[in-house]
């Protein structure tokens, strides 16, 4: 019954349409977007110099922006366990942000009442494909990408091989790739920002977060790093937009996502 209730709620969800995307685009304050992540190097980003940028933040990184009175353009949560263990924080951060995007995993971790509220206040990112391959899926996804130029899906005929994908238009869905940073990137691409700049995209060592958590959850990022690297490389080879990384301590090679310094970011003018 709970599952059926959630399905019923999804019918009235805040669907991501092209009209919605255009309305969000109209609220941008510059052509630059900073994707503010949870890696320690985010604390090196001089927020006072970035006030004229659009900020997309994820999970607990929103708290630092709020503490520094930085407007949040978009808040993204794709990890259902973060929502499940930090509901008060989630609602506080979501209320502060102009827009909130969540994944289907967040809905799965909520009860029916919570799901209805989430679907009436947040935009739902639907999955464009399954995470594993298979001959049937390979054929279906090939047809899907041939008929929709906004989707890229690299699917193996073998079920044990992980699928790699991304979307340049989240009205058609997104691909999670084991990190919310990848979902945030697809949102930023969909909103047609001229420059997309990662802050805190470190992924080094144990992948510690820069903020303290009351209900800290273990991260799977170290185990998923190879998959994440292949996903970002896939975007790099199929998307020619300007994507940069502020982190000087990143595991992502600079030939995949080039380095940019804060002076270069700050010099760009707003609208």
Foldseek 3Di string as FASTA:
>chain_A
DFVVLLVVLLVVFPADDPVNLVVLLVPFFFLEEEEEEFAQQLVVQPVVLCLSHAYEYEQPSLVVCVVVVRAHAEYEYEALVSCLQPVVVVVVSLVRYPAYEYEVSVLVSDTSVVSNVCRHGHYYAYALADFFAAQVRVVVVVVVCVVPVQKDKDHDNDRVDTIAIAGLASSNGGHCQQHVVRVVVSSSSNSNRQEYEYGNQALPDLRDGNDDDPPDDRGCSVVSVVSSQVNLQVCQVVPDGHYAYCDPRHPRDCVSHNHDHSVVVSVDDTD
